Amino acid sequence: MSWTQTTKSIAGLKLHVSRGGSGAPVLVLHHDIGTPDSLPFYDLLAQRCDVVIPHHPGWGKSERPAWMRHPRDIAAIYGWLLADLGLTGVSLVGLGFGGWVAAEMASQAPAAYRKLVLVSPMGIKPPEGDIADQAIVSYIDYPRSGFHAEAAFRKVYGDVSTDQLEAWDIAREMSFRTAWKPYMYSPTLPHLLGGVRAPALILWGDDNRIVPFSAAAAWHAALPGSEVKTLQSCGHFAEMEQPDQAARLAADFILSN
């Protein structure tokens, strides 16, 4: 799959954007740990859709805005990005923290998006259990805990490099800047999702040790007409651990009538 890399000036910052594939437009929003430059999940999705993948402001290759303090700020930036790209009828695929951002986008413009695919989203307080606190574990142990199998973690990250550890350090700082109190959820978001018109698919790994499965029921209740599907032998980072299944489920849902 061929990908183009561009930089867009949005809200006074330089935003790194990858784009590949053709067909129905899809905006993919990455996890709180950032994203590798390439993933099989992205390539598989781009075989069937026009896929746009920005680096969140302050993560990866995007500039850090000193003023940004909430995922809602990131959501507004991405609404601006889609307007600049001239894209309408976009479906959103939100991964973990990116799922929270996608939900904020949908709450701000309830009729603007075609479909929502939320993969183990953060953003709503789990009715039982707590979202794992990355502040109390090492930079490598937090991402590792998001995989069901150690082999799956190593397939993506291999022998973790110093550059990768530094990227996780920066990602952690940005997570704390935007989602610290309360940690990784919004008390107001569940009340704002009832008007969302886009059908939603919620995917959850059956061995998610970062966001408890009880949160899936809360998301299902907050999003009218949503459905929940569980991926077996899978952790929090489902698109990295089960890329074939996650991409198939996402694309089938996005392209269905």
C-alpha atoms as a PDB file:
ATOM      1  CA  MET A   1       0.000   0.000   0.000  1.00  0.00           C
ATOM      2  CA  SER A   2       1.340   3.419  -0.983  1.00  0.00           C
ATOM      3  CA  TRP A   3       0.983   6.205   1.592  1.00  0.00           C
ATOM      4  CA  THR A   4       1.499   9.934   1.184  1.00  0.00           C
ATOM      5  CA  GLN A   5       2.888  12.004   4.048  1.00  0.00           C
ATOM      6  CA  THR A   6       1.893  15.648   4.331  1.00  0.00           C
ATOM      7  CA  THR A   7       1.942  18.451   6.877  1.00  0.00           C
ATOM      8  CA  LYS A   8      -1.184  20.550   7.424  1.00  0.00           C
ATOM      9  CA  SER A   9      -1.227  23.886   9.238  1.00  0.00           C
ATOM     10  CA  ILE A  10      -4.145  23.728  11.662  1.00  0.00           C
ATOM     11  CA  ALA A  11      -4.794  25.995  14.666  1.00  0.00           C
ATOM     12  CA  GLY A  12      -1.282  27.433  14.460  1.00  0.00           C
ATOM     13  CA  LEU A  13       0.497  24.068  14.512  1.00  0.00           C
ATOM     14  CA  LYS A  14       1.941  21.656  11.975  1.00  0.00           C
ATOM     15  CA  LEU A  15      -0.055  18.425  11.885  1.00  0.00           C
ATOM     16  CA  HIS A  16       1.482  15.297  10.355  1.00  0.00           C
ATOM     17  CA  VAL A  17      -0.989  13.375   8.172  1.00  0.00           C
ATOM     18  CA  SER A  18      -0.667  10.034   6.347  1.00  0.00           C
ATOM     19  CA  ARG A  19      -3.155   9.091   3.630  1.00  0.00           C
ATOM     20  CA  GLY A  20      -3.603   5.973   1.554  1.00  0.00           C
ATOM     21  CA  GLY A  21      -6.154   3.922  -0.353  1.00  0.00           C
ATOM     22  CA  SER A  22      -9.332   4.950  -2.115  1.00  0.00           C
ATOM     23  CA  GLY A  23     -13.061   4.733  -1.586  1.00  0.00           C
ATOM     24  CA  ALA A  24     -15.135   5.783   1.398  1.00  0.00           C
ATOM     25  CA  PRO A  25     -13.237   8.337   3.518  1.00  0.00           C
ATOM     26  CA  VAL A  26     -12.123   7.146   6.975  1.00  0.00           C
ATOM     27  CA  LEU A  27     -10.308   9.108   9.667  1.00  0.00           C
ATOM     28  CA  VAL A  28      -8.267   6.838  11.979  1.00  0.00           C
ATOM     29  CA  LEU A  29      -7.307   8.234  15.391  1.00  0.00           C
ATOM     30  CA  HIS A  30      -4.492   6.500  17.253  1.00  0.00           C
ATOM     31  CA  HIS A  31      -3.915   5.412  20.856  1.00  0.00           C
ATOM     32  CA  ASP A  32      -2.480   7.384  23.768  1.00  0.00           C
ATOM     33  CA  ILE A  33       0.871   5.611  23.169  1.00  0.00           C
ATOM     34  CA  GLY A  34       1.073   7.048  19.652  1.00  0.00           C
ATOM     35  CA  THR A  35       1.351   4.888  16.561  1.00  0.00           C
ATOM     36  CA  PRO A  36       4.035   3.114  14.528  1.00  0.00           C
ATOM     37  CA  ASP A  37       4.592   4.644  11.111  1.00  0.00           C
ATOM     38  CA  SER A  38       2.975   1.615   9.473  1.00  0.00           C
ATOM     39  CA  LEU A  39       0.676  -1.167  10.601  1.00  0.00           C
ATOM     40  CA  PRO A  40      -0.998  -4.075   8.764  1.00  0.00           C
ATOM     41  CA  PHE A  41      -4.324  -2.777  10.099  1.00  0.00           C
ATOM     42  CA  TYR A  42      -3.851   0.513   8.272  1.00  0.00           C
ATOM     43  CA  ASP A  43      -2.882  -1.222   5.025  1.00  0.00           C
ATOM     44  CA  LEU A  44      -5.841  -3.611   5.208  1.00  0.00           C
ATOM     45  CA  LEU A  45      -8.274  -0.773   5.843  1.00  0.00           C
ATOM     46  CA  ALA A  46      -6.754   1.234   2.972  1.00  0.00           C
ATOM     47  CA  GLN A  47      -7.388  -1.669   0.581  1.00  0.00           C
ATOM     48  CA  ARG A  48     -11.076  -0.806   0.832  1.00  0.00           C
ATOM     49  CA  CYS A  49     -11.225   2.833   2.003  1.00  0.00           C
ATOM     50  CA  ASP A  50      -9.586   6.247   1.659  1.00  0.00           C
ATOM     51  CA  VAL A  51      -7.744   6.312   4.993  1.00  0.00           C
ATOM     52  CA  VAL A  52      -6.473   9.471   6.701  1.00  0.00           C
ATOM     53  CA  ILE A  53      -4.226   9.026   9.771  1.00  0.00           C
ATOM     54  CA  PRO A  54      -3.037  12.141  11.596  1.00  0.00           C
ATOM     55  CA  HIS A  55      -0.604  12.171  14.487  1.00  0.00           C
ATOM     56  CA  HIS A  56      -2.355  13.804  17.424  1.00  0.00           C
ATOM     57  CA  PRO A  57      -1.032  17.293  18.225  1.00  0.00           C
ATOM     58  CA  GLY A  58       2.006  16.775  20.463  1.00  0.00           C
ATOM     59  CA  TRP A  59       2.380  13.103  19.514  1.00  0.00           C
ATOM     60  CA  GLY A  60       4.668  11.601  16.884  1.00  0.00           C
ATOM     61  CA  LYS A  61       5.604  13.999  14.103  1.00  0.00           C
ATOM     62  CA  SER A  62       2.965  16.640  14.888  1.00  0.00           C
ATOM     63  CA  GLU A  63       3.888  19.858  16.697  1.00  0.00           C
ATOM     64  CA  ARG A  64       2.849  20.363  20.314  1.00  0.00           C
ATOM     65  CA  PRO A  65       0.407  23.211  20.979  1.00  0.00           C
ATOM     66  CA  ALA A  66       1.150  24.792  24.352  1.00  0.00           C
ATOM     67  CA  TRP A  67      -2.514  25.695  24.815  1.00  0.00           C
ATOM     68  CA  MET A  68      -4.099  22.256  24.328  1.00  0.00           C
ATOM     69  CA  ARG A  69      -5.649  20.768  27.484  1.00  0.00           C
ATOM     70  CA  HIS A  70      -8.461  18.326  26.587  1.00  0.00           C
ATOM     71  CA  PRO A  71      -9.379  15.652  23.989  1.00  0.00           C
ATOM     72  CA  ARG A  72     -12.178  18.003  22.964  1.00  0.00           C
ATOM     73  CA  ASP A  73      -9.466  20.387  21.702  1.00  0.00           C
ATOM     74  CA  ILE A  74      -8.023  17.581  19.564  1.00  0.00           C
ATOM     75  CA  ALA A  75     -11.513  16.802  18.259  1.00  0.00           C
ATOM     76  CA  ALA A  76     -11.970  20.411  17.135  1.00  0.00           C
ATOM     77  CA  ILE A  77      -8.611  20.299  15.341  1.00  0.00           C
ATOM     78  CA  TYR A  78      -9.679  17.206  13.423  1.00  0.00           C
ATOM     79  CA  GLY A  79     -12.981  18.782  12.428  1.00  0.00           C
ATOM     80  CA  TRP A  80     -10.908  21.615  11.000  1.00  0.00           C
ATOM     81  CA  LEU A  81      -8.595  19.125   9.246  1.00  0.00           C
ATOM     82  CA  LEU A  82     -11.507  17.378   7.516  1.00  0.00           C
ATOM     83  CA  ALA A  83     -12.877  20.727   6.376  1.00  0.00           C
ATOM     84  CA  ASP A  84      -9.492  21.686   4.912  1.00  0.00           C
ATOM     85  CA  LEU A  85      -9.284  18.326   3.128  1.00  0.00           C
ATOM     86  CA  GLY A  86     -12.785  18.859   1.717  1.00  0.00           C
ATOM     87  CA  LEU A  87     -13.990  15.513   3.077  1.00  0.00           C
ATOM     88  CA  THR A  88     -17.631  14.839   3.910  1.00  0.00           C
ATOM     89  CA  GLY A  89     -19.485  11.681   4.858  1.00  0.00           C
ATOM     90  CA  VAL A  90     -16.428  10.566   6.803  1.00  0.00           C
ATOM     91  CA  SER A  91     -16.409   7.526   9.076  1.00  0.00           C
ATOM     92  CA  LEU A  92     -14.329   7.666  12.254  1.00  0.00           C
ATOM     93  CA  VAL A  93     -12.185   4.825  13.588  1.00  0.00           C
ATOM     94  CA  GLY A  94     -11.011   5.623  17.101  1.00  0.00           C
ATOM     95  CA  LEU A  95      -8.436   3.452  18.870  1.00  0.00           C
ATOM     96  CA  GLY A  96      -8.397   3.637  22.681  1.00  0.00           C
ATOM     97  CA  PHE A  97      -7.685   7.287  23.498  1.00  0.00           C
ATOM     98  CA  GLY A  98      -8.448   8.031  19.839  1.00  0.00           C
ATOM     99  CA  GLY A  99     -11.893   6.550  20.448  1.00  0.00           C
ATOM    100  CA  TRP A 100     -12.491   9.246  23.043  1.00  0.00           C
ATOM    101  CA  VAL A 101     -11.447  11.908  20.516  1.00  0.00           C
ATOM    102  CA  ALA A 102     -13.735  10.373  17.873  1.00  0.00           C
ATOM    103  CA  ALA A 103     -16.645  10.403  20.326  1.00  0.00           C
ATOM    104  CA  GLU A 104     -16.000  14.066  21.117  1.00  0.00           C
ATOM    105  CA  MET A 105     -16.091  14.814  17.378  1.00  0.00           C
ATOM    106  CA  ALA A 106     -19.411  13.004  17.015  1.00  0.00           C
ATOM    107  CA  SER A 107     -20.897  14.775  20.030  1.00  0.00           C
ATOM    108  CA  GLN A 108     -19.925  18.155  18.555  1.00  0.00           C
ATOM    109  CA  ALA A 109     -21.513  17.367  15.166  1.00  0.00           C
ATOM    110  CA  PRO A 110     -24.105  14.610  15.716  1.00  0.00           C
ATOM    111  CA  ALA A 111     -25.119  14.251  12.055  1.00  0.00           C
ATOM    112  CA  ALA A 112     -21.750  14.894  10.386  1.00  0.00           C
ATOM    113  CA  TYR A 113     -20.232  11.406  10.333  1.00  0.00           C
ATOM    114  CA  ARG A 114     -21.309   8.277   8.484  1.00  0.00           C
ATOM    115  CA  LYS A 115     -20.149   5.537  10.868  1.00  0.00           C
ATOM    116  CA  LEU A 116     -18.213   5.229  14.130  1.00  0.00           C
ATOM    117  CA  VAL A 117     -15.887   2.337  14.922  1.00  0.00           C
ATOM    118  CA  LEU A 118     -14.540   2.544  18.460  1.00  0.00           C
ATOM    119  CA  VAL A 119     -11.856   0.037  19.442  1.00  0.00           C
ATOM    120  CA  SER A 120     -11.629  -0.302  23.254  1.00  0.00           C
ATOM    121  CA  PRO A 121     -12.335   3.423  23.640  1.00  0.00           C
ATOM    122  CA  MET A 122     -11.359   5.488  26.638  1.00  0.00           C
ATOM    123  CA  GLY A 123     -13.456   8.503  27.598  1.00  0.00           C
ATOM    124  CA  ILE A 124     -16.217   6.981  29.752  1.00  0.00           C
ATOM    125  CA  LYS A 125     -15.684   5.898  33.357  1.00  0.00           C
ATOM    126  CA  PRO A 126     -16.035   2.093  33.620  1.00  0.00           C
ATOM    127  CA  PRO A 127     -18.963   1.078  35.863  1.00  0.00           C
ATOM    128  CA  GLU A 128     -16.704  -1.597  37.361  1.00  0.00           C
ATOM    129  CA  GLY A 129     -12.937  -1.442  37.653  1.00  0.00           C
ATOM    130  CA  ASP A 130     -10.635   1.384  36.611  1.00  0.00           C
ATOM    131  CA  ILE A 131      -8.720   2.429  33.520  1.00  0.00           C
ATOM    132  CA  ALA A 132      -5.101   1.344  34.033  1.00  0.00           C
ATOM    133  CA  ASP A 133      -2.899   4.134  35.390  1.00  0.00           C
ATOM    134  CA  GLN A 134       0.173   4.391  33.200  1.00  0.00           C
ATOM    135  CA  ALA A 135       1.843   6.733  35.711  1.00  0.00           C
ATOM    136  CA  ILE A 136       2.670   3.844  38.036  1.00  0.00           C
ATOM    137  CA  VAL A 137       4.330   1.527  35.501  1.00  0.00           C
ATOM    138  CA  SER A 138       7.311   1.826  33.172  1.00  0.00           C
ATOM    139  CA  TYR A 139       7.170   3.204  29.636  1.00  0.00           C
ATOM    140  CA  ILE A 140       7.517  -0.300  28.216  1.00  0.00           C
ATOM    141  CA  ASP A 141       5.260  -2.168  30.665  1.00  0.00           C
ATOM    142  CA  TYR A 142       2.216  -0.033  29.865  1.00  0.00           C
ATOM    143  CA  PRO A 143       2.175  -0.818  26.109  1.00  0.00           C
ATOM    144  CA  ARG A 144       3.079  -4.434  26.825  1.00  0.00           C
ATOM    145  CA  SER A 145       0.063  -4.784  29.139  1.00  0.00           C
ATOM    146  CA  GLY A 146      -2.193  -3.849  26.221  1.00  0.00           C
ATOM    147  CA  PHE A 147      -1.429  -7.127  24.417  1.00  0.00           C
ATOM    148  CA  HIS A 148      -2.869 -10.544  25.225  1.00  0.00           C
ATOM    149  CA  ALA A 149       0.300 -12.267  23.997  1.00  0.00           C
ATOM    150  CA  GLU A 150       3.919 -11.192  24.440  1.00  0.00           C
ATOM    151  CA  ALA A 151       4.620 -12.483  20.921  1.00  0.00           C
ATOM    152  CA  ALA A 152       2.112  -9.996  19.495  1.00  0.00           C
ATOM    153  CA  PHE A 153       3.819  -7.129  21.323  1.00  0.00           C
ATOM    154  CA  ARG A 154       7.226  -8.193  19.987  1.00  0.00           C
ATOM    155  CA  LYS A 155       5.873  -8.577  16.460  1.00  0.00           C
ATOM    156  CA  VAL A 156       4.950  -4.897  16.454  1.00  0.00           C
ATOM    157  CA  TYR A 157       7.772  -3.378  18.520  1.00  0.00           C
ATOM    158  CA  GLY A 158      10.599  -5.946  18.373  1.00  0.00           C
ATOM    159  CA  ASP A 159      13.567  -5.031  20.551  1.00  0.00           C
ATOM    160  CA  VAL A 160      12.273  -1.708  21.793  1.00  0.00           C
ATOM    161  CA  SER A 161      14.582   1.087  20.702  1.00  0.00           C
ATOM    162  CA  THR A 162      15.637   4.183  22.630  1.00  0.00           C
ATOM    163  CA  ASP A 163      13.703   6.276  20.093  1.00  0.00           C
ATOM    164  CA  GLN A 164      10.551   4.289  20.835  1.00  0.00           C
ATOM    165  CA  LEU A 165      10.988   4.729  24.594  1.00  0.00           C
ATOM    166  CA  GLU A 166      11.391   8.468  24.058  1.00  0.00           C
ATOM    167  CA  ALA A 167       8.232   8.548  21.917  1.00  0.00           C
ATOM    168  CA  TRP A 168       6.307   6.741  24.662  1.00  0.00           C
ATOM    169  CA  ASP A 169       7.659   9.236  27.201  1.00  0.00           C
ATOM    170  CA  ILE A 170       6.389  12.164  25.111  1.00  0.00           C
ATOM    171  CA  ALA A 171       3.066  10.420  24.521  1.00  0.00           C
ATOM    172  CA  ARG A 172       2.651   9.892  28.255  1.00  0.00           C
ATOM    173  CA  GLU A 173       3.292  13.550  28.987  1.00  0.00           C
ATOM    174  CA  MET A 174       0.682  14.550  26.401  1.00  0.00           C
ATOM    175  CA  SER A 175      -1.795  12.064  27.867  1.00  0.00           C
ATOM    176  CA  PHE A 176      -1.371  13.630  31.297  1.00  0.00           C
ATOM    177  CA  ARG A 177      -1.661  17.129  29.865  1.00  0.00           C
ATOM    178  CA  THR A 178      -4.978  16.364  28.160  1.00  0.00           C
ATOM    179  CA  ALA A 179      -6.582  13.606  30.244  1.00  0.00           C
ATOM    180  CA  TRP A 180      -5.281  13.688  33.809  1.00  0.00           C
ATOM    181  CA  LYS A 181      -8.092  14.896  36.099  1.00  0.00           C
ATOM    182  CA  PRO A 182     -10.206  12.868  35.890  1.00  0.00           C
ATOM    183  CA  TYR A 183      -7.890  10.285  34.384  1.00  0.00           C
ATOM    184  CA  MET A 184      -8.810   9.129  30.872  1.00  0.00           C
ATOM    185  CA  TYR A 185     -12.539   9.842  30.988  1.00  0.00           C
ATOM    186  CA  SER A 186     -14.981  12.735  30.777  1.00  0.00           C
ATOM    187  CA  PRO A 187     -17.899  13.004  33.234  1.00  0.00           C
ATOM    188  CA  THR A 188     -19.877  14.949  30.616  1.00  0.00           C
ATOM    189  CA  LEU A 189     -19.318  12.809  27.513  1.00  0.00           C
ATOM    190  CA  PRO A 190     -21.962  10.112  28.223  1.00  0.00           C
ATOM    191  CA  HIS A 191     -24.614  12.833  28.455  1.00  0.00           C
ATOM    192  CA  LEU A 192     -23.632  14.292  25.056  1.00  0.00           C
ATOM    193  CA  LEU A 193     -23.646  11.132  22.946  1.00  0.00           C
ATOM    194  CA  GLY A 194     -27.389  10.520  22.881  1.00  0.00           C
ATOM    195  CA  GLY A 195     -27.877  12.766  19.863  1.00  0.00           C
ATOM    196  CA  VAL A 196     -25.245  11.080  17.690  1.00  0.00           C
ATOM    197  CA  ARG A 197     -26.880   9.853  14.486  1.00  0.00           C
ATOM    198  CA  ALA A 198     -24.013   7.740  13.160  1.00  0.00           C
ATOM    199  CA  PRO A 199     -24.314   3.978  13.701  1.00  0.00           C
ATOM    200  CA  ALA A 200     -21.521   2.779  15.989  1.00  0.00           C
ATOM    201  CA  LEU A 201     -19.559  -0.464  16.266  1.00  0.00           C
ATOM    202  CA  ILE A 202     -17.683  -1.020  19.522  1.00  0.00           C
ATOM    203  CA  LEU A 203     -14.863  -3.588  19.395  1.00  0.00           C
ATOM    204  CA  TRP A 204     -13.314  -4.992  22.577  1.00  0.00           C
ATOM    205  CA  GLY A 205     -10.520  -7.469  23.215  1.00  0.00           C
ATOM    206  CA  ASP A 206     -11.524 -10.204  25.651  1.00  0.00           C
ATOM    207  CA  ASP A 207      -8.260  -9.738  27.595  1.00  0.00           C
ATOM    208  CA  ASN A 208      -8.226  -5.962  27.839  1.00  0.00           C
ATOM    209  CA  ARG A 209      -6.142  -5.086  30.899  1.00  0.00           C
ATOM    210  CA  ILE A 210      -6.169  -1.328  30.239  1.00  0.00           C
ATOM    211  CA  VAL A 211      -9.882  -0.499  29.930  1.00  0.00           C
ATOM    212  CA  PRO A 212     -12.248  -2.897  31.761  1.00  0.00           C
ATOM    213  CA  PHE A 213     -14.890  -4.617  29.662  1.00  0.00           C
ATOM    214  CA  SER A 214     -17.584  -3.017  31.855  1.00  0.00           C
ATOM    215  CA  ALA A 215     -16.932   0.202  29.930  1.00  0.00           C
ATOM    216  CA  ALA A 216     -18.254  -1.460  26.756  1.00  0.00           C
ATOM    217  CA  ALA A 217     -21.728  -1.597  28.306  1.00  0.00           C
ATOM    218  CA  ALA A 218     -21.493   2.095  29.220  1.00  0.00           C
ATOM    219  CA  TRP A 219     -20.559   3.011  25.655  1.00  0.00           C
ATOM    220  CA  HIS A 220     -23.338   0.825  24.294  1.00  0.00           C
ATOM    221  CA  ALA A 221     -25.860   2.579  26.552  1.00  0.00           C
ATOM    222  CA  ALA A 222     -24.593   6.053  25.616  1.00  0.00           C
ATOM    223  CA  LEU A 223     -24.620   5.537  21.834  1.00  0.00           C
ATOM    224  CA  PRO A 224     -28.097   4.797  20.437  1.00  0.00           C
ATOM    225  CA  GLY A 225     -28.231   1.789  18.149  1.00  0.00           C
ATOM    226  CA  SER A 226     -24.626   0.764  18.769  1.00  0.00           C
ATOM    227  CA  GLU A 227     -23.395  -2.815  18.784  1.00  0.00           C
ATOM    228  CA  VAL A 228     -20.572  -4.471  20.693  1.00  0.00           C
ATOM    229  CA  LYS A 229     -18.340  -7.236  19.335  1.00  0.00           C
ATOM    230  CA  THR A 230     -15.623  -9.047  21.252  1.00  0.00           C
ATOM    231  CA  LEU A 231     -12.315 -10.180  19.766  1.00  0.00           C
ATOM    232  CA  GLN A 232     -10.962 -13.396  21.250  1.00  0.00           C
ATOM    233  CA  SER A 233      -7.424 -13.799  22.624  1.00  0.00           C
ATOM    234  CA  CYS A 234      -6.942 -10.070  22.259  1.00  0.00           C
ATOM    235  CA  GLY A 235      -5.873  -7.190  24.473  1.00  0.00           C
ATOM    236  CA  HIS A 236      -6.452  -3.440  24.395  1.00  0.00           C
ATOM    237  CA  PHE A 237      -4.505  -2.814  21.183  1.00  0.00           C
ATOM    238  CA  ALA A 238      -6.815  -4.951  19.054  1.00  0.00           C
ATOM    239  CA  GLU A 239      -5.825  -3.392  15.734  1.00  0.00           C
ATOM    240  CA  MET A 240      -2.202  -4.403  16.385  1.00  0.00           C
ATOM    241  CA  GLU A 241      -2.844  -7.830  17.897  1.00  0.00           C
ATOM    242  CA  GLN A 242      -5.692  -8.966  15.615  1.00  0.00           C
ATOM    243  CA  PRO A 243      -5.246  -6.705  12.542  1.00  0.00           C
ATOM    244  CA  ASP A 244      -7.003  -8.974  10.036  1.00  0.00           C
ATOM    245  CA  GLN A 245     -10.120  -9.423  12.129  1.00  0.00           C
ATOM    246  CA  ALA A 246     -10.233  -5.819  13.350  1.00  0.00           C
ATOM    247  CA  ALA A 247      -9.807  -4.417   9.817  1.00  0.00           C
ATOM    248  CA  ARG A 248     -12.413  -6.763   8.357  1.00  0.00           C
ATOM    249  CA  LEU A 249     -14.988  -5.924  11.014  1.00  0.00           C
ATOM    250  CA  ALA A 250     -14.301  -2.190  10.711  1.00  0.00           C
ATOM    251  CA  ALA A 251     -14.403  -2.074   6.904  1.00  0.00           C
ATOM    252  CA  ASP A 252     -17.455  -4.324   6.633  1.00  0.00           C
ATOM    253  CA  PHE A 253     -19.313  -2.086   9.062  1.00  0.00           C
ATOM    254  CA  ILE A 254     -18.214   1.164   7.424  1.00  0.00           C
ATOM    255  CA  LEU A 255     -19.149  -0.022   3.920  1.00  0.00           C
ATOM    256  CA  SER A 256     -22.487  -1.598   4.876  1.00  0.00           C
ATOM    257  CA  ASN A 257     -25.702   0.235   4.051  1.00  0.00           C
END
